[in-house]
Amino acid sequence: MTRRHYTHWPLLESPLTAIAVSPSDRQCFFKQFERWGLDMELPLYLWNAGYKYIQEIHSGKITPTPTAVEDNILGTICNASRDGIFLVEGIIQSVAPLIDLQLRNAHDALTQGDSLTFIVLFDALLDVPMNLYPLIPQLEKPFPSSKELEELVTQFCQEHPFKKESDPLPLLQACTGLPEGEITLVLNRLVGEASTLEELADSVLEYAKQKLAGKGVRILPPPDVPKAAGLDLLDKDIDKIASLFDPRASSWKLRNPNGGLLWGLPGTGKSLVAKMIAQRIRAKMIAVDFNQLVGSTVSESLQNLKHLIDLADNSGNVVLFFDEFEKNFVGWESGGSGGAMAKMTGELLSWLQDHTTPVFMLATINRLGLLPAELVRRFKYVWFLGNPHNGALYEIFNIHLGKYCPNLHFSDSQWRILLDEYRGCSPDEVGKAVERTLETNFHSLVSQAKEQGKPFNPRKYLPQISLEDLLSERRNFTPASANKAISDQLYAIRQDADFARPTSGRDKSRFARINRGMFEQSGAKNQGTGTTKLNRKPKSLEVI
């Protein structure tokens, strides 16, 4: 449920109130109530099960009072008939039947009594029974707003020796979704280990990831390559998305994009792109198996989905990642788990349409037609990833070869041979081919050393890969796109690709293939006349 900000508390004039407060925000919470207590000329008290005596908060210090609490803190407060604001922690998160009755009695006593007594129940989570809703207004101390967060980060930067001209955006994004008190604690703890604002932002983001992982959520690692090659149009979209995930964008009344679909055959880099997006917006990437959310009953399934959405909504910048999303919807409207899946889809649709938190839902799909049409329409972006053109293939090879052999250089003629041989291969197939080539070369050196009876020390050798090695590896496998079933599927996908946003522009590299006529491709120019001599048997047609 949506609760009002806890700063509305003085306006309620309610004797009994419940407020959701993060444990790291307790000190901020106490300071605010101490200010209100001074304004109202009322003392401020505190109690939780860790205290035997009711405590008084004065000038930021907590000291015990003579009043002991045996078992019923609410009864103790009401029977004392003492003016004051009483902060009671830890009894509203899970309300047992006995506490339910004590809350009713306390409400009656406070409304009928003559003393100016206010009881404020607070905890990280509130679980107020429905029958007590009219008696106990519920408020919350939310995460800092974009303006509050900017002020918090700006003040921190001014107090520490970071260059004032540094862009605070990385730190703003990393701190999004953390309570005010936690931000202060974490920044002060990590600042000594960072020499730049960027390093501090990375440390805060890593802390937030570990915090989520501690809740049993699977956090995906960052990408193992610096960029997704050859996706220039997609890269522009990602830049736009990253700018909208700047908390300051809300000053223009702009909201974060809600999500995107990454559509294409396996191996075209969909999962890598998802990791790139998470990295660019400094988000935690939560991997989700939608089928695992389906429980034994519809109610349990919806509860599992709600828990996941609540977790994401309260974790700052998050990429909620569903791999091969369409497989979850095969037969979703008929029998089995269909009823649960249909209701879960409806719940997901509502959230996807209405949520304003910095959560970006990303789903990879191989077959768009299996997704419910109403779900597809909710996504802000639908991207199509096909096999790379020559310029992209050149970039992909350079990224993977650069990981192992950074000083490797091929001539343009060698590159053209390599690109021609690997044409039709997916980015995943290229990466695996490079890795297998290096494994083969390493094994060859080990075998040679054994045959010669010499010890082998790999540190004495630099990784080496030649053009011939890569061509030899290419002969050892058949690209998936050459499989008839997959090529038919690819053709069918391309017929609908206009529905999606393209991810790559035209190949403008020096290795771009030139479209020629059917016979011109296989002909040769006459040096004397400049005319083309046609071969009798044209080569087979290629789809460019």
Protein backbone atom coordinates (compact mmCIF):
# COMPACT_ATOMS: atom_id res chain seq x y z
CA MET A 1 0.00 0.00 0.00
CA THR A 2 1.08 3.61 -0.55
CA ARG A 3 1.65 5.45 2.71
CA ARG A 4 2.02 9.16 3.34
CA HIS A 5 5.35 10.67 4.39
CA TYR A 6 5.96 10.53 8.12
CA THR A 7 6.31 14.31 8.24
CA HIS A 8 2.49 14.36 8.18
CA TRP A 9 2.47 12.99 11.74
CA PRO A 10 1.91 16.35 13.55
CA LEU A 11 -1.06 17.07 11.29
CA LEU A 12 -2.85 13.81 12.14
CA GLU A 13 -3.19 14.50 15.85
CA SER A 14 -3.76 10.76 16.21
CA PRO A 15 -2.96 9.22 19.62
CA LEU A 16 -1.87 5.97 17.98
CA THR A 17 0.17 5.86 14.76
CA ALA A 18 2.34 3.29 12.91
CA ILE A 19 5.40 4.37 10.88
CA ALA A 20 7.63 2.24 8.64
CA VAL A 21 11.28 3.16 9.32
CA SER A 22 14.47 1.49 8.15
CA PRO A 23 16.79 0.47 11.04
CA SER A 24 19.56 2.65 9.58
CA ASP A 25 17.22 5.66 9.75
CA ARG A 26 16.53 5.37 13.49
CA GLN A 27 18.80 8.28 14.45
CA CYS A 28 17.28 10.58 11.80
CA PHE A 29 13.85 9.45 13.00
CA PHE A 30 14.65 10.19 16.65
CA LYS A 31 16.04 13.65 15.81
CA GLN A 32 12.88 14.58 13.92
CA PHE A 33 10.61 13.49 16.78
CA GLU A 34 12.79 15.29 19.28
CA ARG A 35 12.24 18.50 17.28
CA TRP A 36 8.50 17.88 17.25
CA GLY A 37 8.58 17.18 20.98
CA LEU A 38 10.24 20.56 21.60
CA ASP A 39 7.64 22.30 19.42
CA MET A 40 4.80 20.57 21.30
CA GLU A 41 6.56 20.96 24.70
CA LEU A 42 6.36 17.19 25.23
CA PRO A 43 9.12 14.81 26.38
CA LEU A 44 10.20 11.99 24.02
CA TYR A 45 10.42 8.38 25.17
CA LEU A 46 11.61 5.14 23.56
CA TRP A 47 11.03 1.47 24.24
CA ASN A 48 11.68 -1.87 22.55
CA ALA A 49 12.05 -5.42 23.84
CA GLY A 50 15.77 -4.82 24.37
CA TYR A 51 15.01 -2.38 27.18
CA LYS A 52 13.73 -3.30 30.66
CA TYR A 53 12.92 0.35 31.40
CA ILE A 54 11.31 3.02 29.26
CA GLN A 55 14.05 5.32 27.91
CA GLU A 56 14.00 9.09 27.48
CA ILE A 57 15.57 10.81 24.47
CA HIS A 58 16.93 14.26 25.26
CA SER A 59 19.50 16.25 23.25
CA GLY A 60 20.25 13.16 21.20
CA LYS A 61 21.07 11.01 24.24
CA ILE A 62 19.09 7.95 25.37
CA THR A 63 18.82 7.45 29.14
CA PRO A 64 16.63 5.09 31.24
CA THR A 65 13.65 6.28 33.29
CA PRO A 66 12.45 4.61 36.54
CA THR A 67 9.43 3.07 34.75
CA ALA A 68 9.92 -0.67 34.22
CA VAL A 69 7.98 -2.69 31.65
CA GLU A 70 6.93 -6.20 32.64
CA ASP A 71 5.07 -7.53 29.61
CA ASN A 72 2.52 -5.05 28.21
CA ILE A 73 4.26 -1.83 27.08
CA LEU A 74 0.99 -0.34 25.76
CA GLY A 75 -0.77 -0.95 29.09
CA THR A 76 2.22 0.47 30.98
CA ILE A 77 2.11 3.72 28.98
CA CYS A 78 -1.67 4.14 29.24
CA ASN A 79 -1.77 3.37 32.97
CA ALA A 80 0.98 5.90 33.69
CA SER A 81 -1.20 8.74 32.28
CA ARG A 82 1.97 10.65 31.49
CA ASP A 83 2.21 13.39 28.86
CA GLY A 84 4.72 12.63 26.13
CA ILE A 85 5.50 11.03 22.79
CA PHE A 86 6.28 7.33 23.16
CA LEU A 87 8.20 5.63 20.34
CA VAL A 88 7.51 1.88 20.58
CA GLU A 89 9.64 -0.37 18.37
CA GLY A 90 9.15 -3.98 17.32
CA ILE A 91 5.51 -4.90 18.04
CA ILE A 92 3.80 -3.89 14.79
CA GLN A 93 5.74 -6.00 12.26
CA SER A 94 3.86 -9.16 13.17
CA VAL A 95 0.74 -8.59 15.24
CA ALA A 96 -0.28 -11.57 17.36
CA PRO A 97 -3.91 -11.85 18.60
CA LEU A 98 -2.88 -10.65 22.09
CA ILE A 99 -1.14 -7.55 20.68
CA ASP A 100 -4.21 -6.93 18.51
CA LEU A 101 -6.36 -6.70 21.65
CA GLN A 102 -3.80 -4.56 23.48
CA LEU A 103 -3.77 -2.10 20.54
CA ARG A 104 -7.57 -1.79 20.69
CA ASN A 105 -7.44 -1.19 24.44
CA ALA A 106 -4.65 1.39 24.04
CA HIS A 107 -6.64 3.30 21.43
CA ASP A 108 -9.65 3.43 23.75
CA ALA A 109 -7.55 4.55 26.72
CA LEU A 110 -5.72 7.28 24.77
CA THR A 111 -8.86 8.74 23.20
CA GLN A 112 -10.77 8.75 26.51
CA GLY A 113 -7.92 9.92 28.76
CA ASP A 114 -7.10 13.47 29.78
CA SER A 115 -3.31 13.30 29.32
CA LEU A 116 -1.54 14.44 26.16
CA THR A 117 -0.06 11.06 25.24
CA PHE A 118 0.98 9.91 21.78
CA ILE A 119 2.14 6.37 20.96
CA VAL A 120 4.12 5.91 17.73
CA LEU A 121 4.64 2.30 16.70
CA PHE A 122 7.58 1.89 14.32
CA ASP A 123 9.44 -0.90 12.56
CA ALA A 124 11.09 -1.68 9.23
CA LEU A 125 7.90 -3.42 8.05
CA LEU A 126 4.32 -2.81 9.13
CA ASP A 127 1.72 -5.54 9.31
CA VAL A 128 -1.33 -3.78 10.71
CA PRO A 129 -4.40 -6.05 10.69
CA MET A 130 -7.19 -4.81 8.43
CA ASN A 131 -9.58 -4.43 11.36
CA LEU A 132 -7.17 -1.93 12.97
CA TYR A 133 -6.75 0.27 9.88
CA PRO A 134 -9.34 2.83 11.08
CA LEU A 135 -7.68 3.06 14.49
CA ILE A 136 -4.01 3.25 13.46
CA PRO A 137 -2.98 5.59 10.60
CA GLN A 138 0.09 4.32 8.74
CA LEU A 139 2.96 6.50 7.54
CA GLU A 140 6.51 5.82 6.36
CA LYS A 141 9.95 7.36 6.21
CA PRO A 142 10.68 6.72 2.53
CA PHE A 143 13.95 6.72 0.63
CA PRO A 144 15.27 10.22 -0.04
CA SER A 145 13.63 12.04 -2.95
CA SER A 146 15.80 12.99 -5.93
CA LYS A 147 16.23 16.48 -4.51
CA GLU A 148 17.04 15.21 -1.01
CA LEU A 149 19.49 12.69 -2.45
CA GLU A 150 21.23 15.38 -4.51
CA GLU A 151 21.55 17.60 -1.43
CA LEU A 152 22.91 14.69 0.61
CA VAL A 153 25.53 13.74 -1.99
CA THR A 154 26.48 17.39 -2.67
CA GLN A 155 27.03 18.03 1.04
CA PHE A 156 29.13 14.87 1.34
CA CYS A 157 31.31 15.87 -1.63
CA GLN A 158 31.88 19.31 -0.13
CA GLU A 159 33.06 17.74 3.13
CA HIS A 160 35.58 15.43 1.44
CA PRO A 161 38.56 16.16 -0.81
CA PHE A 162 36.99 15.14 -4.11
CA LYS A 163 37.27 17.45 -7.07
CA LYS A 164 34.21 19.68 -7.03
CA GLU A 165 34.00 19.58 -10.82
CA SER A 166 33.46 15.80 -10.76
CA ASP A 167 30.06 14.71 -12.01
CA PRO A 168 28.04 13.44 -9.01
CA LEU A 169 25.76 11.34 -11.25
CA PRO A 170 27.58 7.98 -10.65
CA LEU A 171 27.27 8.45 -6.88
CA LEU A 172 23.65 9.61 -7.14
CA GLN A 173 22.76 6.48 -9.11
CA ALA A 174 24.68 4.17 -6.77
CA CYS A 175 22.96 5.65 -3.68
CA THR A 176 19.45 5.50 -5.14
CA GLY A 177 17.27 3.09 -3.18
CA LEU A 178 19.22 3.33 0.08
CA PRO A 179 17.73 4.94 3.18
CA GLU A 180 19.13 8.31 4.27
CA GLY A 181 20.86 6.95 7.35
CA GLU A 182 22.36 4.03 5.44
CA ILE A 183 23.75 6.35 2.75
CA THR A 184 25.55 8.41 5.40
CA LEU A 185 26.93 5.31 7.15
CA VAL A 186 28.09 3.61 3.94
CA LEU A 187 29.69 6.72 2.41
CA ASN A 188 31.63 7.47 5.60
CA ARG A 189 32.75 3.83 5.79
CA LEU A 190 33.91 3.54 2.18
CA VAL A 191 35.28 7.02 1.48
CA GLY A 192 38.73 6.19 2.85
CA GLU A 193 39.24 3.44 0.26
CA ALA A 194 38.37 5.57 -2.78
CA SER A 195 40.53 8.16 -4.50
CA THR A 196 37.85 9.34 -6.93
CA LEU A 197 34.12 9.83 -6.92
CA GLU A 198 33.81 7.10 -9.55
CA GLU A 199 35.61 4.57 -7.33
CA LEU A 200 33.40 5.49 -4.39
CA ALA A 201 30.28 5.02 -6.55
CA ASP A 202 31.51 1.56 -7.61
CA SER A 203 32.09 0.60 -3.96
CA VAL A 204 28.61 1.76 -2.95
CA LEU A 205 27.06 -0.19 -5.84
CA GLU A 206 28.99 -3.32 -4.84
CA TYR A 207 27.73 -2.90 -1.26
CA ALA A 208 24.14 -2.65 -2.53
CA LYS A 209 24.60 -5.82 -4.63
CA GLN A 210 25.92 -7.77 -1.63
CA LYS A 211 22.99 -6.54 0.43
CA LEU A 212 20.55 -7.89 -2.17
CA ALA A 213 22.45 -11.17 -2.51
CA GLY A 214 22.04 -11.61 1.24
CA LYS A 215 18.27 -11.73 0.69
CA GLY A 216 18.58 -14.83 -1.50
CA VAL A 217 18.41 -12.97 -4.82
CA ARG A 218 20.66 -14.06 -7.69
CA ILE A 219 22.73 -11.05 -8.75
CA LEU A 220 24.34 -11.41 -12.17
CA PRO A 221 28.02 -10.44 -12.56
CA PRO A 222 29.11 -7.51 -14.75
CA PRO A 223 29.92 -8.14 -18.43
CA ASP A 224 33.29 -9.76 -19.19
CA VAL A 225 33.92 -7.53 -22.22
CA PRO A 226 34.05 -3.71 -22.33
CA LYS A 227 31.24 -3.26 -24.87
CA ALA A 228 28.80 -5.00 -27.18
CA ALA A 229 30.41 -4.48 -30.58
CA GLY A 230 28.59 -3.34 -33.69
CA LEU A 231 25.40 -2.19 -31.94
CA ASP A 232 25.72 1.54 -32.57
CA LEU A 233 21.98 2.30 -32.67
CA LEU A 234 21.33 0.30 -29.51
CA ASP A 235 24.20 2.14 -27.84
CA LYS A 236 22.43 5.45 -28.49
CA ASP A 237 19.25 4.07 -26.92
CA ILE A 238 21.21 2.95 -23.86
CA ASP A 239 22.73 6.43 -23.52
CA LYS A 240 19.22 7.90 -23.56
CA ILE A 241 17.99 5.40 -20.96
CA ALA A 242 21.01 6.16 -18.73
CA SER A 243 20.26 9.89 -18.87
CA LEU A 244 16.68 9.24 -17.75
CA PHE A 245 17.95 7.19 -14.80
CA ASP A 246 19.61 10.34 -13.49
CA PRO A 247 17.53 11.11 -10.37
CA ARG A 248 17.60 14.78 -11.40
CA ALA A 249 15.50 13.99 -14.50
CA SER A 250 12.43 14.09 -12.26
CA SER A 251 12.78 17.89 -12.11
CA TRP A 252 11.50 17.83 -15.72
CA LYS A 253 8.62 15.55 -14.68
CA LEU A 254 10.30 12.71 -16.61
CA ARG A 255 10.09 9.11 -15.43
CA ASN A 256 12.40 6.16 -15.93
CA PRO A 257 11.68 3.94 -18.96
CA ASN A 258 9.85 0.85 -17.71
CA GLY A 259 11.58 -1.89 -19.69
CA GLY A 260 12.72 -3.47 -22.92
CA LEU A 261 12.60 -6.70 -24.89
CA LEU A 262 15.78 -8.08 -26.46
CA TRP A 263 14.65 -10.20 -29.40
CA GLY A 264 16.84 -12.45 -31.51
CA LEU A 265 18.32 -15.92 -31.95
CA PRO A 266 20.51 -17.50 -29.23
CA GLY A 267 24.11 -16.28 -29.29
CA THR A 268 23.43 -12.82 -30.70
CA GLY A 269 24.44 -11.06 -27.49
CA LYS A 270 21.09 -10.43 -25.79
CA SER A 271 22.26 -11.32 -22.28
CA LEU A 272 25.47 -9.33 -22.77
CA VAL A 273 23.45 -6.27 -23.81
CA ALA A 274 21.30 -6.64 -20.68
CA LYS A 275 24.46 -6.58 -18.53
CA MET A 276 25.72 -3.55 -20.44
CA ILE A 277 22.50 -1.66 -19.72
CA ALA A 278 22.73 -2.51 -16.02
CA GLN A 279 26.35 -1.36 -15.95
CA ARG A 280 25.58 1.90 -17.77
CA ILE A 281 22.80 2.93 -15.35
CA ARG A 282 24.72 1.59 -12.33
CA ALA A 283 21.99 -0.86 -11.47
CA LYS A 284 21.86 -4.14 -9.60
CA MET A 285 20.91 -6.88 -12.06
CA ILE A 286 18.48 -9.39 -10.55
CA ALA A 287 18.00 -12.61 -12.52
CA VAL A 288 14.48 -14.04 -12.34
CA ASP A 289 13.05 -17.41 -13.38
CA PHE A 290 9.36 -16.65 -13.85
CA ASN A 291 8.39 -20.33 -13.58
CA GLN A 292 9.98 -20.57 -10.14
CA LEU A 293 7.56 -17.91 -8.93
CA VAL A 294 4.62 -20.21 -9.69
CA GLY A 295 3.51 -21.83 -6.45
CA SER A 296 1.04 -24.58 -5.62
CA THR A 297 -1.85 -22.11 -5.55
CA VAL A 298 -2.74 -18.90 -7.39
CA SER A 299 -2.52 -17.00 -4.10
CA GLU A 300 0.99 -18.29 -3.37
CA SER A 301 2.11 -17.45 -6.92
CA LEU A 302 0.85 -13.89 -6.67
CA GLN A 303 2.50 -13.50 -3.27
CA ASN A 304 5.84 -14.67 -4.70
CA LEU A 305 5.58 -12.16 -7.55
CA LYS A 306 4.59 -9.36 -5.17
CA HIS A 307 7.59 -10.12 -2.94
CA LEU A 308 9.92 -9.92 -5.97
CA ILE A 309 8.41 -6.64 -7.19
CA ASP A 310 8.53 -5.10 -3.69
CA LEU A 311 12.17 -6.12 -3.36
CA ALA A 312 13.05 -4.57 -6.73
CA ASP A 313 11.03 -1.41 -6.05
CA ASN A 314 12.90 -0.87 -2.79
CA SER A 315 16.43 -1.54 -4.05
CA GLY A 316 17.23 1.59 -6.04
CA ASN A 317 18.42 1.27 -9.64
CA VAL A 318 17.59 -2.31 -10.64
CA VAL A 319 17.50 -4.28 -13.87
CA LEU A 320 14.96 -7.07 -13.43
CA PHE A 321 16.19 -9.68 -15.91
CA PHE A 322 14.12 -12.53 -17.41
CA ASP A 323 16.00 -14.84 -19.80
CA GLU A 324 14.08 -16.60 -22.62
CA PHE A 325 10.95 -14.99 -21.25
CA GLU A 326 8.54 -16.39 -23.83
CA LYS A 327 9.05 -20.00 -22.65
CA ASN A 328 7.07 -19.16 -19.54
CA PHE A 329 3.93 -18.48 -21.59
CA VAL A 330 3.65 -21.71 -23.59
CA GLY A 331 0.07 -22.86 -22.93
CA TRP A 332 -0.35 -20.19 -20.28
CA GLU A 333 -4.08 -19.81 -20.94
CA SER A 334 -4.94 -23.50 -20.68
CA GLY A 335 -4.95 -25.78 -17.63
CA GLY A 336 -2.00 -26.59 -15.37
CA SER A 337 -0.43 -23.43 -14.07
CA GLY A 338 -2.31 -21.41 -16.69
CA GLY A 339 -4.66 -19.82 -14.17
CA ALA A 340 -1.77 -18.70 -11.98
CA MET A 341 0.28 -17.57 -14.96
CA ALA A 342 -2.60 -15.51 -16.37
CA LYS A 343 -3.14 -13.73 -13.04
CA MET A 344 0.60 -13.22 -12.57
CA THR A 345 0.81 -11.75 -16.06
CA GLY A 346 -2.01 -9.35 -15.21
CA GLU A 347 -0.19 -8.31 -12.05
CA LEU A 348 3.05 -7.83 -13.98
CA LEU A 349 1.25 -5.79 -16.64
CA SER A 350 -0.19 -3.44 -14.03
CA TRP A 351 3.17 -2.96 -12.36
CA LEU A 352 5.00 -2.48 -15.67
CA GLN A 353 2.52 0.19 -16.69
CA ASP A 354 2.27 2.10 -13.41
CA HIS A 355 5.51 1.77 -11.43
CA THR A 356 7.61 4.90 -11.01
CA THR A 357 10.58 3.35 -9.19
CA PRO A 358 14.00 3.15 -10.94
CA VAL A 359 13.47 -0.47 -12.05
CA PHE A 360 14.07 -1.42 -15.68
CA MET A 361 12.62 -4.79 -16.68
CA LEU A 362 14.62 -6.56 -19.40
CA ALA A 363 13.56 -9.82 -21.03
CA THR A 364 15.32 -11.80 -23.74
CA ILE A 365 13.11 -13.64 -26.22
CA ASN A 366 13.71 -15.88 -29.23
CA ARG A 367 10.11 -15.97 -30.50
CA LEU A 368 8.07 -12.83 -30.08
CA GLY A 369 4.80 -14.50 -31.08
CA LEU A 370 4.69 -16.59 -27.90
CA LEU A 371 4.35 -13.53 -25.67
CA PRO A 372 0.86 -12.17 -24.93
CA ALA A 373 0.33 -9.15 -27.18
CA GLU A 374 -0.84 -7.00 -24.27
CA LEU A 375 2.47 -7.69 -22.49
CA VAL A 376 4.60 -6.74 -25.50
CA ARG A 377 2.81 -3.39 -25.82
CA ARG A 378 3.75 -2.43 -22.26
CA PHE A 379 7.49 -2.38 -23.00
CA LYS A 380 9.02 0.97 -23.90
CA TYR A 381 11.62 -0.66 -26.17
CA VAL A 382 11.65 -3.77 -28.35
CA TRP A 383 15.06 -4.38 -29.94
CA PHE A 384 15.96 -6.92 -32.59
CA LEU A 385 19.48 -8.42 -32.62
CA GLY A 386 20.53 -10.26 -35.77
CA ASN A 387 23.86 -11.67 -36.87
CA PRO A 388 26.58 -9.01 -37.19
CA HIS A 389 27.71 -7.39 -40.43
CA ASN A 390 31.41 -7.33 -41.34
CA GLY A 391 32.20 -4.13 -39.47
CA ALA A 392 30.58 -5.48 -36.29
CA LEU A 393 32.28 -8.85 -36.76
CA TYR A 394 35.62 -7.04 -36.98
CA GLU A 395 34.91 -5.27 -33.67
CA ILE A 396 33.80 -8.53 -32.02
CA PHE A 397 37.01 -10.28 -33.06
CA ASN A 398 39.11 -7.38 -31.76
CA ILE A 399 37.37 -7.47 -28.37
CA HIS A 400 37.88 -11.22 -27.89
CA LEU A 401 41.39 -11.34 -29.37
CA GLY A 402 42.32 -8.29 -27.29
CA LYS A 403 41.53 -10.22 -24.09
CA TYR A 404 44.28 -12.75 -24.82
CA CYS A 405 46.61 -11.21 -27.42
CA PRO A 406 46.44 -7.40 -27.13
CA ASN A 407 49.39 -6.92 -29.51
CA LEU A 408 48.00 -9.10 -32.29
CA HIS A 409 47.70 -7.38 -35.68
CA PHE A 410 46.32 -8.61 -39.00
CA SER A 411 46.60 -6.88 -42.36
CA ASP A 412 43.40 -5.76 -44.09
CA SER A 413 43.69 -8.63 -46.58
CA GLN A 414 43.99 -11.11 -43.70
CA TRP A 415 40.98 -9.54 -41.99
CA ARG A 416 38.91 -9.88 -45.15
CA ILE A 417 39.77 -13.58 -45.36
CA LEU A 418 38.85 -14.09 -41.69
CA LEU A 419 35.61 -12.12 -41.89
CA ASP A 420 34.56 -13.92 -45.04
CA GLU A 421 35.11 -17.31 -43.41
CA TYR A 422 33.23 -16.36 -40.24
CA ARG A 423 30.36 -14.66 -42.02
CA GLY A 424 27.04 -15.86 -40.56
CA CYS A 425 28.56 -16.68 -37.16
CA SER A 426 26.98 -15.18 -34.06
CA PRO A 427 28.98 -13.09 -31.54
CA ASP A 428 28.84 -16.03 -29.12
CA GLU A 429 30.25 -18.40 -31.75
CA VAL A 430 33.09 -15.98 -32.50
CA GLY A 431 33.97 -15.65 -28.81
CA LYS A 432 33.97 -19.41 -28.30
CA ALA A 433 36.03 -19.96 -31.46
CA VAL A 434 38.74 -17.59 -30.20
CA GLU A 435 38.74 -19.29 -26.79
CA ARG A 436 38.93 -22.80 -28.27
CA THR A 437 41.77 -21.71 -30.59
CA LEU A 438 43.79 -20.47 -27.63
CA GLU A 439 43.05 -23.70 -25.70
CA THR A 440 44.30 -25.74 -28.67
CA ASN A 441 47.52 -23.71 -28.90
CA PHE A 442 48.13 -24.00 -25.15
CA HIS A 443 47.59 -27.76 -25.26
CA SER A 444 49.98 -28.03 -28.22
CA LEU A 445 52.79 -26.35 -26.23
CA VAL A 446 52.14 -28.62 -23.23
CA SER A 447 52.24 -31.72 -25.47
CA GLN A 448 55.50 -30.60 -27.14
CA ALA A 449 57.15 -30.08 -23.76
CA LYS A 450 56.08 -33.57 -22.65
CA GLU A 451 57.42 -35.16 -25.82
CA GLN A 452 60.76 -33.42 -25.31
CA GLY A 453 60.86 -34.35 -21.63
CA LYS A 454 61.14 -30.70 -20.59
CA PRO A 455 59.21 -28.91 -17.82
CA PHE A 456 56.59 -26.50 -19.16
CA ASN A 457 56.23 -23.05 -17.66
CA PRO A 458 53.33 -21.17 -19.33
CA ARG A 459 54.54 -17.85 -17.90
CA LYS A 460 57.49 -17.94 -20.30
CA TYR A 461 55.17 -17.86 -23.30
CA LEU A 462 52.83 -15.14 -24.50
CA PRO A 463 49.43 -16.27 -25.82
CA GLN A 464 49.62 -16.57 -29.61
CA ILE A 465 46.91 -16.92 -32.24
CA SER A 466 47.47 -16.83 -35.99
CA LEU A 467 45.08 -16.38 -38.89
CA GLU A 468 45.63 -20.02 -39.82
CA ASP A 469 44.68 -21.10 -36.30
CA LEU A 470 41.37 -19.24 -36.49
CA LEU A 471 40.62 -20.57 -39.98
CA SER A 472 41.37 -24.10 -38.80
CA GLU A 473 38.98 -23.68 -35.85
CA ARG A 474 36.29 -22.37 -38.20
CA ARG A 475 36.41 -25.66 -40.12
CA ASN A 476 35.63 -27.53 -36.89
CA PHE A 477 32.09 -26.22 -36.44
CA THR A 478 28.98 -25.25 -38.39
CA PRO A 479 27.31 -21.94 -37.49
CA ALA A 480 23.83 -22.26 -36.03
CA SER A 481 22.50 -20.04 -38.82
CA ALA A 482 23.45 -22.75 -41.34
CA ASN A 483 21.03 -25.20 -39.71
CA LYS A 484 17.87 -25.36 -41.84
CA ALA A 485 15.46 -25.17 -38.91
CA ILE A 486 17.28 -22.18 -37.46
CA SER A 487 17.67 -20.46 -40.83
CA ASP A 488 13.92 -20.86 -41.40
CA GLN A 489 13.30 -19.40 -37.96
CA LEU A 490 15.69 -16.53 -38.71
CA TYR A 491 13.88 -15.83 -41.97
CA ALA A 492 10.53 -15.78 -40.16
CA ILE A 493 11.93 -13.43 -37.51
CA ARG A 494 13.27 -11.06 -40.14
CA GLN A 495 9.83 -10.78 -41.70
CA ASP A 496 8.59 -9.25 -38.45
CA ALA A 497 11.78 -7.36 -37.57
CA ASP A 498 10.28 -4.05 -38.70
CA PHE A 499 8.17 -4.23 -35.54
CA ALA A 500 11.32 -3.79 -33.45
CA ARG A 501 13.95 -1.08 -33.15
CA PRO A 502 17.13 -1.87 -35.10
CA THR A 503 20.31 -2.22 -33.05
CA SER A 504 22.88 -1.72 -35.83
CA GLY A 505 23.14 0.90 -38.54
CA ARG A 506 24.58 0.37 -42.00
CA ASP A 507 28.07 -1.06 -42.15
CA LYS A 508 30.34 1.91 -42.86
CA SER A 509 33.59 0.14 -42.09
CA ARG A 510 36.30 -0.53 -44.66
CA PHE A 511 35.26 -4.18 -44.58
CA ALA A 512 31.65 -3.50 -45.60
CA ARG A 513 30.34 -5.88 -48.23
CA ILE A 514 29.21 -4.29 -51.49
CA ASN A 515 25.92 -5.36 -53.02
CA ARG A 516 26.45 -6.34 -56.63
CA GLY A 517 24.24 -7.69 -59.35
CA MET A 518 23.79 -11.40 -59.78
CA PHE A 519 26.38 -11.77 -62.56
CA GLU A 520 28.59 -8.78 -61.77
CA GLN A 521 29.64 -10.48 -58.57
CA SER A 522 31.24 -13.36 -60.40
CA GLY A 523 32.50 -11.44 -63.44
CA ALA A 524 35.87 -9.75 -64.10
CA LYS A 525 36.49 -6.36 -65.65
CA ASN A 526 38.27 -6.18 -68.98
CA GLN A 527 41.31 -4.02 -68.34
CA GLY A 528 41.28 -2.59 -71.86
CA THR A 529 37.61 -1.70 -72.28
CA GLY A 530 36.40 -1.45 -68.71
CA THR A 531 33.52 -3.80 -69.56
CA THR A 532 32.62 -6.81 -67.51
CA LYS A 533 33.18 -10.29 -68.82
CA LEU A 534 30.50 -12.61 -67.41
CA ASN A 535 31.25 -16.12 -66.27
CA ARG A 536 29.10 -18.80 -67.79
CA LYS A 537 28.08 -20.16 -64.37
CA PRO A 538 27.22 -17.53 -61.80
CA LYS A 539 28.03 -18.23 -58.17
CA SER A 540 25.20 -18.99 -55.78
CA LEU A 541 23.30 -15.98 -54.53
CA GLU A 542 24.09 -14.58 -51.09
CA VAL A 543 21.75 -12.64 -48.89
CA ILE A 544 23.48 -9.42 -47.87
